[in-house]
PDB file of N, CA and C in Angstrom:
ATOM      1  N   MET A   1       1.001  -0.897  -0.319  1.00  0.00           N
ATOM      2  CA  MET A   1       0.249   0.099  -0.050  1.00  0.00           C
ATOM      3  C   MET A   1       0.554   1.362  -0.157  1.00  0.00           C
ATOM      4  N   ALA A   2       0.780   2.131  -1.294  1.00  0.00           N
ATOM      5  CA  ALA A   2       1.599   3.276  -0.875  1.00  0.00           C
ATOM      6  C   ALA A   2       1.318   4.415   0.143  1.00  0.00           C
ATOM      7  N   MET A   3       2.097   4.573   0.622  1.00  0.00           N
ATOM      8  CA  MET A   3       1.809   6.544   1.623  1.00  0.00           C
ATOM      9  C   MET A   3       1.741   7.482   1.193  1.00  0.00           C
ATOM     10  N   LYS A   4       0.999   7.687   1.895  1.00  0.00           N
ATOM     11  CA  LYS A   4      -0.122   9.440   1.496  1.00  0.00           C
ATOM     12  C   LYS A   4       1.126  10.120   1.287  1.00  0.00           C
ATOM     13  N   LYS A   5       1.370  11.138   0.731  1.00  0.00           N
ATOM     14  CA  LYS A   5       2.087  11.688   0.486  1.00  0.00           C
ATOM     15  C   LYS A   5       1.763  12.826   1.829  1.00  0.00           C
ATOM     16  N   THR A   6       1.283  13.602   2.802  1.00  0.00           N
ATOM     17  CA  THR A   6       1.529  14.254   4.139  1.00  0.00           C
ATOM     18  C   THR A   6       2.149  12.929   4.885  1.00  0.00           C
ATOM     19  N   ASP A   7       1.954  11.856   4.395  1.00  0.00           N
ATOM     20  CA  ASP A   7       2.999  10.745   5.604  1.00  0.00           C
ATOM     21  C   ASP A   7       5.117  10.626   5.071  1.00  0.00           C
ATOM     22  N   LEU A   8       4.755  10.536   3.504  1.00  0.00           N
ATOM     23  CA  LEU A   8       6.450  10.888   3.578  1.00  0.00           C
ATOM     24  C   LEU A   8       6.474  11.844   3.195  1.00  0.00           C
ATOM     25  N   GLU A   9       5.672  13.264   4.276  1.00  0.00           N
ATOM     26  CA  GLU A   9       6.354  15.219   4.372  1.00  0.00           C
ATOM     27  C   GLU A   9       7.247  14.028   5.736  1.00  0.00           C
ATOM     28  N   LYS A  10       5.910  13.783   6.764  1.00  0.00           N
ATOM     29  CA  LYS A  10       6.323  13.920   8.196  1.00  0.00           C
ATOM     30  C   LYS A  10       7.302  12.374   7.982  1.00  0.00           C
ATOM     31  N   ASN A  11       7.744  12.409   7.684  1.00  0.00           N
ATOM     32  CA  ASN A  11       8.800  10.980   7.843  1.00  0.00           C
ATOM     33  C   ASN A  11      10.852  11.613   7.871  1.00  0.00           C
ATOM     34  N   LYS A  12       9.923  12.424   6.202  1.00  0.00           N
ATOM     35  CA  LYS A  12      10.982  13.604   5.489  1.00  0.00           C
ATOM     36  C   LYS A  12      11.660  15.030   7.179  1.00  0.00           C
ATOM     37  N   ALA A  13      10.260  14.724   7.583  1.00  0.00           N
ATOM     38  CA  ALA A  13      10.879  16.398   8.596  1.00  0.00           C
ATOM     39  C   ALA A  13      11.059  15.749   9.412  1.00  0.00           C
ATOM     40  N   LEU A  14      11.540  14.349  10.410  1.00  0.00           N
ATOM     41  CA  LEU A  14      11.104  13.487  11.539  1.00  0.00           C
ATOM     42  C   LEU A  14      12.725  12.866  10.716  1.00  0.00           C
ATOM     43  N   LYS A  15      12.997  12.723   9.997  1.00  0.00           N
ATOM     44  CA  LYS A  15      14.334  12.053   9.215  1.00  0.00           C
ATOM     45  C   LYS A  15      15.741  14.312   9.822  1.00  0.00           C
ATOM     46  N   LEU A  16      14.927  14.352   9.302  1.00  0.00           N
ATOM     47  CA  LEU A  16      16.594  16.119   9.339  1.00  0.00           C
ATOM     48  C   LEU A  16      16.284  16.855  10.459  1.00  0.00           C
ATOM     49  N   ASN A  17      15.010  16.073  11.912  1.00  0.00           N
ATOM     50  CA  ASN A  17      14.459  16.941  12.683  1.00  0.00           C
ATOM     51  C   ASN A  17      15.488  16.132  13.577  1.00  0.00           C
ATOM     52  N   ASN A  18      16.035  14.359  13.701  1.00  0.00           N
ATOM     53  CA  ASN A  18      17.461  14.136  14.268  1.00  0.00           C
ATOM     54  C   ASN A  18      18.142  14.146  13.196  1.00  0.00           C
ATOM     55  N   ALA A  19      18.473  13.942  12.368  1.00  0.00           N
ATOM     56  CA  ALA A  19      20.050  14.864  11.633  1.00  0.00           C
ATOM     57  C   ALA A  19      19.782  16.033  11.737  1.00  0.00           C
ATOM     58  N   MET A  20      19.912  16.443  11.900  1.00  0.00           N
ATOM     59  CA  MET A  20      20.035  18.319  13.038  1.00  0.00           C
ATOM     60  C   MET A  20      20.313  17.835  14.393  1.00  0.00           C
ATOM     61  N   LYS A  21      19.433  17.540  15.645  1.00  0.00           N
ATOM     62  CA  LYS A  21      19.903  17.284  16.866  1.00  0.00           C
ATOM     63  C   LYS A  21      21.274  17.001  16.526  1.00  0.00           C
ATOM     64  N   GLN A  22      21.886  15.607  15.830  1.00  0.00           N
ATOM     65  CA  GLN A  22      22.985  14.930  15.887  1.00  0.00           C
ATOM     66  C   GLN A  22      24.411  15.523  15.676  1.00  0.00           C
ATOM     67  N   SER A  23      23.931  16.758  14.978  1.00  0.00           N
ATOM     68  CA  SER A  23      24.934  17.658  14.287  1.00  0.00           C
ATOM     69  C   SER A  23      25.187  18.680  14.999  1.00  0.00           C
ATOM     70  N   THR A  24      24.383  18.964  16.773  1.00  0.00           N
ATOM     71  CA  THR A  24      24.322  19.659  17.155  1.00  0.00           C
ATOM     72  C   THR A  24      25.317  19.480  17.616  1.00  0.00           C
ATOM     73  N   ALA A  25      25.090  18.116  18.550  1.00  0.00           N
ATOM     74  CA  ALA A  25      24.984  17.252  19.763  1.00  0.00           C
ATOM     75  C   ALA A  25      27.192  16.750  18.777  1.00  0.00           C
ATOM     76  N   GLU A  26      27.109  16.642  18.036  1.00  0.00           N
ATOM     77  CA  GLU A  26      28.503  16.280  17.541  1.00  0.00           C
ATOM     78  C   GLU A  26      29.723  18.655  18.420  1.00  0.00           C
ATOM     79  N   ARG A  27      28.668  18.837  17.267  1.00  0.00           N
ATOM     80  CA  ARG A  27      29.487  20.266  17.510  1.00  0.00           C
ATOM     81  C   ARG A  27      29.529  20.562  18.460  1.00  0.00           C
ATOM     82  N   PHE A  28      28.721  20.532  19.755  1.00  0.00           N
ATOM     83  CA  PHE A  28      29.213  20.766  21.063  1.00  0.00           C
ATOM     84  C   PHE A  28      29.452  20.892  21.752  1.00  0.00           C
ATOM     85  N   GLY A  29      30.426  19.127  20.955  1.00  0.00           N
ATOM     86  CA  GLY A  29      32.210  18.595  22.367  1.00  0.00           C
ATOM     87  C   GLY A  29      31.449  16.765  22.155  1.00  0.00           C
ATOM     88  N   LYS A  30      30.417  16.532  21.785  1.00  0.00           N
ATOM     89  CA  LYS A  30      29.717  15.561  23.046  1.00  0.00           C
ATOM     90  C   LYS A  30      30.934  14.406  22.254  1.00  0.00           C
ATOM     91  N   ALA A  31      30.181  14.623  20.768  1.00  0.00           N
ATOM     92  CA  ALA A  31      30.896  12.693  20.042  1.00  0.00           C
ATOM     93  C   ALA A  31      32.471  13.828  20.305  1.00  0.00           C
ATOM     94  N   ALA A  32      33.632  14.416  20.684  1.00  0.00           N
ATOM     95  CA  ALA A  32      34.697  15.108  20.573  1.00  0.00           C
ATOM     96  C   ALA A  32      35.554  14.387  21.966  1.00  0.00           C
ATOM     97  N   ALA A  33      33.903  14.224  22.606  1.00  0.00           N
ATOM     98  CA  ALA A  33      34.759  13.612  24.100  1.00  0.00           C
ATOM     99  C   ALA A  33      35.052  12.781  24.306  1.00  0.00           C
ATOM    100  N   ALA A  34      36.003  12.094  24.651  1.00  0.00           N
ATOM    101  CA  ALA A  34      36.007  10.351  24.077  1.00  0.00           C
ATOM    102  C   ALA A  34      34.942   9.757  25.327  1.00  0.00           C
ATOM    103  N   PRO A  35      34.096   8.949  24.807  1.00  0.00           N
ATOM    104  CA  PRO A  35      33.367   8.159  25.671  1.00  0.00           C
ATOM    105  C   PRO A  35      33.825   7.367  27.398  1.00  0.00           C
ATOM    106  N   ALA A  36      33.136   7.731  28.023  1.00  0.00           N
ATOM    107  CA  ALA A  36      34.314   6.827  29.049  1.00  0.00           C
ATOM    108  C   ALA A  36      33.483   5.009  28.251  1.00  0.00           C
ATOM    109  N   PRO A  37      33.936   4.135  29.060  1.00  0.00           N
ATOM    110  CA  PRO A  37      33.637   2.931  28.634  1.00  0.00           C
ATOM    111  C   PRO A  37      32.553   2.379  29.883  1.00  0.00           C
ATOM    112  N   ASP A  38      31.540   1.669  29.390  1.00  0.00           N
ATOM    113  CA  ASP A  38      30.290   1.337  29.995  1.00  0.00           C
ATOM    114  C   ASP A  38      30.273   0.312  31.668  1.00  0.00           C
ATOM    115  N   ARG A  39      30.137  -0.024  32.032  1.00  0.00           N
ATOM    116  CA  ARG A  39      30.980  -0.364  33.793  1.00  0.00           C
ATOM    117  C   ARG A  39      31.009  -2.001  32.693  1.00  0.00           C
ATOM    118  N   ARG A  40      30.336  -2.868  31.888  1.00  0.00           N
ATOM    119  CA  ARG A  40      30.287  -4.347  31.799  1.00  0.00           C
ATOM    120  C   ARG A  40      32.358  -3.965  30.644  1.00  0.00           C
ATOM    121  N   GLU A  41      32.294  -2.591  29.963  1.00  0.00           N
ATOM    122  CA  GLU A  41      34.181  -2.302  30.164  1.00  0.00           C
ATOM    123  C   GLU A  41      35.117  -1.884  30.290  1.00  0.00           C
ATOM    124  N   GLN A  42      34.526  -1.717  31.348  1.00  0.00           N
ATOM    125  CA  GLN A  42      35.536  -1.290  32.811  1.00  0.00           C
ATOM    126  C   GLN A  42      35.836  -2.269  33.574  1.00  0.00           C
ATOM    127  N   ARG A  43      34.438  -3.363  33.782  1.00  0.00           N
ATOM    128  CA  ARG A  43      34.751  -4.403  34.042  1.00  0.00           C
ATOM    129  C   ARG A  43      36.042  -5.032  33.208  1.00  0.00           C
ATOM    130  N   LYS A  44      35.777  -5.315  32.683  1.00  0.00           N
ATOM    131  CA  LYS A  44      36.944  -5.883  31.080  1.00  0.00           C
ATOM    132  C   LYS A  44      38.310  -5.982  31.482  1.00  0.00           C
ATOM    133  N   LEU A  45      38.186  -4.530  31.578  1.00  0.00           N
ATOM    134  CA  LEU A  45      39.400  -3.793  31.611  1.00  0.00           C
ATOM    135  C   LEU A  45      40.064  -4.156  32.612  1.00  0.00           C
ATOM    136  N   ASP A  46      39.052  -4.053  33.512  1.00  0.00           N
ATOM    137  CA  ASP A  46      39.639  -3.873  35.368  1.00  0.00           C
ATOM    138  C   ASP A  46      40.385  -5.932  35.490  1.00  0.00           C
ATOM    139  N   GLN A  47      39.988  -7.237  34.709  1.00  0.00           N
ATOM    140  CA  GLN A  47      40.171  -7.568  35.278  1.00  0.00           C
ATOM    141  C   GLN A  47      41.265  -8.501  34.210  1.00  0.00           C
ATOM    142  N   ALA A  48      41.719  -7.489  32.796  1.00  0.00           N
ATOM    143  CA  ALA A  48      42.947  -8.123  32.226  1.00  0.00           C
ATOM    144  C   ALA A  48      43.803  -7.031  32.920  1.00  0.00           C
ATOM    145  N   GLN A  49      43.762  -5.852  34.031  1.00  0.00           N
ATOM    146  CA  GLN A  49      44.345  -5.642  34.495  1.00  0.00           C
ATOM    147  C   GLN A  49      44.308  -5.978  35.991  1.00  0.00           C
ATOM    148  N   GLY A  50      44.194  -7.814  36.657  1.00  0.00           N
ATOM    149  CA  GLY A  50      43.651  -8.398  37.703  1.00  0.00           C
ATOM    150  C   GLY A  50      42.822  -7.236  38.482  1.00  0.00           C
ATOM    151  N   LEU A  51      41.934  -6.773  38.743  1.00  0.00           N
ATOM    152  CA  LEU A  51      42.040  -5.842  39.459  1.00  0.00           C
ATOM    153  C   LEU A  51      40.352  -6.255  39.901  1.00  0.00           C
ATOM    154  N   VAL A  52      40.683  -6.211  40.757  1.00  0.00           N
ATOM    155  CA  VAL A  52      39.417  -7.693  41.885  1.00  0.00           C
ATOM    156  C   VAL A  52      39.134  -6.661  42.098  1.00  0.00           C
ATOM    157  N   PRO A  53      37.412  -6.279  42.539  1.00  0.00           N
ATOM    158  CA  PRO A  53      36.641  -5.145  43.706  1.00  0.00           C
ATOM    159  C   PRO A  53      36.357  -5.682  44.394  1.00  0.00           C
ATOM    160  N   PHE A  54      37.173  -4.469  45.660  1.00  0.00           N
ATOM    161  CA  PHE A  54      36.911  -4.915  47.282  1.00  0.00           C
ATOM    162  C   PHE A  54      36.401  -4.177  48.497  1.00  0.00           C
ATOM    163  N   ALA A  55      34.661  -3.857  48.285  1.00  0.00           N
ATOM    164  CA  ALA A  55      34.673  -3.688  49.536  1.00  0.00           C
ATOM    165  C   ALA A  55      34.559  -3.449  51.184  1.00  0.00           C
ATOM    166  N   CYS A  56      34.610  -2.525  51.473  1.00  0.00           N
ATOM    167  CA  CYS A  56      35.313  -2.359  52.935  1.00  0.00           C
ATOM    168  C   CYS A  56      34.660  -1.767  53.726  1.00  0.00           C
ATOM    169  N   LYS A  57      34.562  -1.233  54.500  1.00  0.00           N
ATOM    170  CA  LYS A  57      33.372   0.137  55.768  1.00  0.00           C
ATOM    171  C   LYS A  57      34.625   0.473  56.016  1.00  0.00           C
ATOM    172  N   LEU A  58      34.735   2.142  56.433  1.00  0.00           N
ATOM    173  CA  LEU A  58      36.882   3.107  57.009  1.00  0.00           C
ATOM    174  C   LEU A  58      36.049   3.344  57.189  1.00  0.00           C
ATOM    175  N   ASN A  59      36.837   4.491  58.452  1.00  0.00           N
ATOM    176  CA  ASN A  59      35.766   5.739  59.000  1.00  0.00           C
ATOM    177  C   ASN A  59      36.089   6.911  57.971  1.00  0.00           C
ATOM    178  N   SER A  60      35.046   7.783  58.580  1.00  0.00           N
ATOM    179  CA  SER A  60      34.761   9.116  57.460  1.00  0.00           C
ATOM    180  C   SER A  60      36.347   9.905  57.388  1.00  0.00           C
ATOM    181  N   ASP A  61      36.335  10.054  58.159  1.00  0.00           N
ATOM    182  CA  ASP A  61      37.761  10.586  59.085  1.00  0.00           C
ATOM    183  C   ASP A  61      38.903   9.833  57.910  1.00  0.00           C
ATOM    184  N   LEU A  62      39.092   8.737  58.116  1.00  0.00           N
ATOM    185  CA  LEU A  62      40.284   8.430  57.638  1.00  0.00           C
ATOM    186  C   LEU A  62      39.793   7.972  56.010  1.00  0.00           C
ATOM    187  N   VAL A  63      38.714   8.082  55.639  1.00  0.00           N
ATOM    188  CA  VAL A  63      38.153   8.320  53.434  1.00  0.00           C
ATOM    189  C   VAL A  63      38.661  10.060  53.063  1.00  0.00           C
ATOM    190  N   ALA A  64      37.942  10.783  54.470  1.00  0.00           N
ATOM    191  CA  ALA A  64      38.044  12.079  53.369  1.00  0.00           C
ATOM    192  C   ALA A  64      39.762  12.301  53.401  1.00  0.00           C
ATOM    193  N   GLU A  65      41.126  11.729  54.845  1.00  0.00           N
ATOM    194  CA  GLU A  65      42.521  12.167  53.839  1.00  0.00           C
ATOM    195  C   GLU A  65      43.017  11.367  52.659  1.00  0.00           C
ATOM    196  N   LEU A  66      42.180  10.220  52.831  1.00  0.00           N
ATOM    197  CA  LEU A  66      42.233   9.274  51.859  1.00  0.00           C
ATOM    198  C   LEU A  66      41.775  10.001  50.240  1.00  0.00           C
ATOM    199  N   LYS A  67      40.963  10.401  50.193  1.00  0.00           N
ATOM    200  CA  LYS A  67      40.339  11.456  49.029  1.00  0.00           C
ATOM    201  C   LYS A  67      41.045  12.085  48.914  1.00  0.00           C
ATOM    202  N   GLU A  68      42.015  12.657  49.450  1.00  0.00           N
ATOM    203  CA  GLU A  68      43.312  14.042  49.706  1.00  0.00           C
ATOM    204  C   GLU A  68      43.872  13.433  49.373  1.00  0.00           C
ATOM    205  N   ARG A  69      44.619  12.910  49.322  1.00  0.00           N
ATOM    206  CA  ARG A  69      45.677  12.051  48.699  1.00  0.00           C
ATOM    207  C   ARG A  69      45.561  11.532  47.625  1.00  0.00           C
ATOM    208  N   ALA A  70      44.731  11.177  47.981  1.00  0.00           N
ATOM    209  CA  ALA A  70      44.595  10.413  46.423  1.00  0.00           C
ATOM    210  C   ALA A  70      44.350  11.492  44.358  1.00  0.00           C
ATOM    211  N   ALA A  71      43.746  12.477  44.756  1.00  0.00           N
ATOM    212  CA  ALA A  71      43.501  13.311  43.868  1.00  0.00           C
ATOM    213  C   ALA A  71      45.787  13.535  44.186  1.00  0.00           C
ATOM    214  N   GLU A  72      45.948  14.319  44.534  1.00  0.00           N
ATOM    215  CA  GLU A  72      47.272  14.013  44.164  1.00  0.00           C
ATOM    216  C   GLU A  72      48.227  13.056  43.684  1.00  0.00           C
ATOM    217  N   HIS A  73      47.598  11.377  43.812  1.00  0.00           N
ATOM    218  CA  HIS A  73      48.168  10.295  43.663  1.00  0.00           C
ATOM    219  C   HIS A  73      48.187  10.002  42.196  1.00  0.00           C
ATOM    220  N   PRO A  74      48.755   8.784  41.127  1.00  0.00           N
ATOM    221  CA  PRO A  74      48.721   9.565  39.407  1.00  0.00           C
ATOM    222  C   PRO A  74      48.534   8.921  39.332  1.00  0.00           C
ATOM    223  N   GLU A  75      47.559   7.778  40.032  1.00  0.00           N
ATOM    224  CA  GLU A  75      46.980   6.104  40.223  1.00  0.00           C
ATOM    225  C   GLU A  75      45.901   6.384  40.196  1.00  0.00           C
ATOM    226  N   GLY A  76      45.153   7.538  41.022  1.00  0.00           N
ATOM    227  CA  GLY A  76      44.325   7.926  41.843  1.00  0.00           C
ATOM    228  C   GLY A  76      44.288   7.220  42.978  1.00  0.00           C
ATOM    229  N   MET A  77      42.833   6.696  43.454  1.00  0.00           N
ATOM    230  CA  MET A  77      42.574   5.775  44.628  1.00  0.00           C
ATOM    231  C   MET A  77      42.950   4.385  45.139  1.00  0.00           C
ATOM    232  N   THR A  78      42.649   4.218  43.605  1.00  0.00           N
ATOM    233  CA  THR A  78      43.811   2.548  42.898  1.00  0.00           C
ATOM    234  C   THR A  78      44.356   2.970  43.635  1.00  0.00           C
ATOM    235  N   GLY A  79      45.724   3.549  43.101  1.00  0.00           N
ATOM    236  CA  GLY A  79      47.086   3.417  43.146  1.00  0.00           C
ATOM    237  C   GLY A  79      47.251   3.925  44.284  1.00  0.00           C
ATOM    238  N   LEU A  80      46.901   4.103  45.031  1.00  0.00           N
ATOM    239  CA  LEU A  80      47.243   4.887  46.829  1.00  0.00           C
ATOM    240  C   LEU A  80      46.278   3.941  47.290  1.00  0.00           C
ATOM    241  N   LEU A  81      45.832   3.231  47.707  1.00  0.00           N
ATOM    242  CA  LEU A  81      44.651   2.197  48.566  1.00  0.00           C
ATOM    243  C   LEU A  81      46.210   0.740  48.170  1.00  0.00           C
ATOM    244  N   SER A  82      46.955   1.103  46.798  1.00  0.00           N
ATOM    245  CA  SER A  82      47.402  -0.417  46.645  1.00  0.00           C
ATOM    246  C   SER A  82      49.160  -0.169  47.175  1.00  0.00           C
ATOM    247  N   GLU A  83      49.139   1.436  47.479  1.00  0.00           N
ATOM    248  CA  GLU A  83      50.726   1.218  48.141  1.00  0.00           C
ATOM    249  C   GLU A  83      50.632   1.010  49.568  1.00  0.00           C
ATOM    250  N   VAL A  84      49.747   1.769  50.459  1.00  0.00           N
ATOM    251  CA  VAL A  84      49.221   1.690  51.268  1.00  0.00           C
ATOM    252  C   VAL A  84      49.749   0.071  51.763  1.00  0.00           C
ATOM    253  N   ILE A  85      48.130   0.061  51.537  1.00  0.00           N
ATOM    254  CA  ILE A  85      47.961  -1.765  51.660  1.00  0.00           C
ATOM    255  C   ILE A  85      49.565  -2.298  51.648  1.00  0.00           C
ATOM    256  N   LYS A  86      50.246  -2.344  50.707  1.00  0.00           N
ATOM    257  CA  LYS A  86      51.656  -3.108  50.516  1.00  0.00           C
ATOM    258  C   LYS A  86      52.411  -2.804  51.181  1.00  0.00           C
ATOM    259  N   ARG A  87      52.831  -1.806  51.927  1.00  0.00           N
ATOM    260  CA  ARG A  87      54.018  -0.390  53.471  1.00  0.00           C
ATOM    261  C   ARG A  87      53.201  -1.798  53.449  1.00  0.00           C
ATOM    262  N   GLY A  88      51.389  -1.431  54.649  1.00  0.00           N
ATOM    263  CA  GLY A  88      51.795  -2.031  55.408  1.00  0.00           C
ATOM    264  C   GLY A  88      52.065  -3.574  55.930  1.00  0.00           C
ATOM    265  N   LEU A  89      51.485  -4.351  54.217  1.00  0.00           N
ATOM    266  CA  LEU A  89      52.093  -5.764  55.403  1.00  0.00           C
ATOM    267  C   LEU A  89      52.919  -5.789  55.007  1.00  0.00           C
ATOM    268  N   ALA A  90      54.294  -4.952  54.294  1.00  0.00           N
ATOM    269  CA  ALA A  90      55.323  -5.606  54.969  1.00  0.00           C
ATOM    270  C   ALA A  90      55.842  -4.920  56.202  1.00  0.00           C
ATOM    271  N   GLY A  91      55.224  -4.259  56.362  1.00  0.00           N
ATOM    272  CA  GLY A  91      56.028  -3.653  58.315  1.00  0.00           C
ATOM    273  C   GLY A  91      55.452  -4.399  58.526  1.00  0.00           C
TER     274      GLY A  91
END
């Protein structure tokens, strides 16, 4: 069954509208920035590095201090905690 001319025009308008939205998003840097990996991809990357999630409860003052030091650490919180725990276990 053939589509009516008005339906064809509506479809064209929708396609054009979507194309304009896409180009605007790209123009303002959404496409330029590297997208962060989703959870599944991040899990695979962590597993490839041998990282395993480890949760524990810590005092809020200790967490605040760790966050301050992790901000300056080149590997972030994971690298800082790895160093601190290794030093603690060694001594």
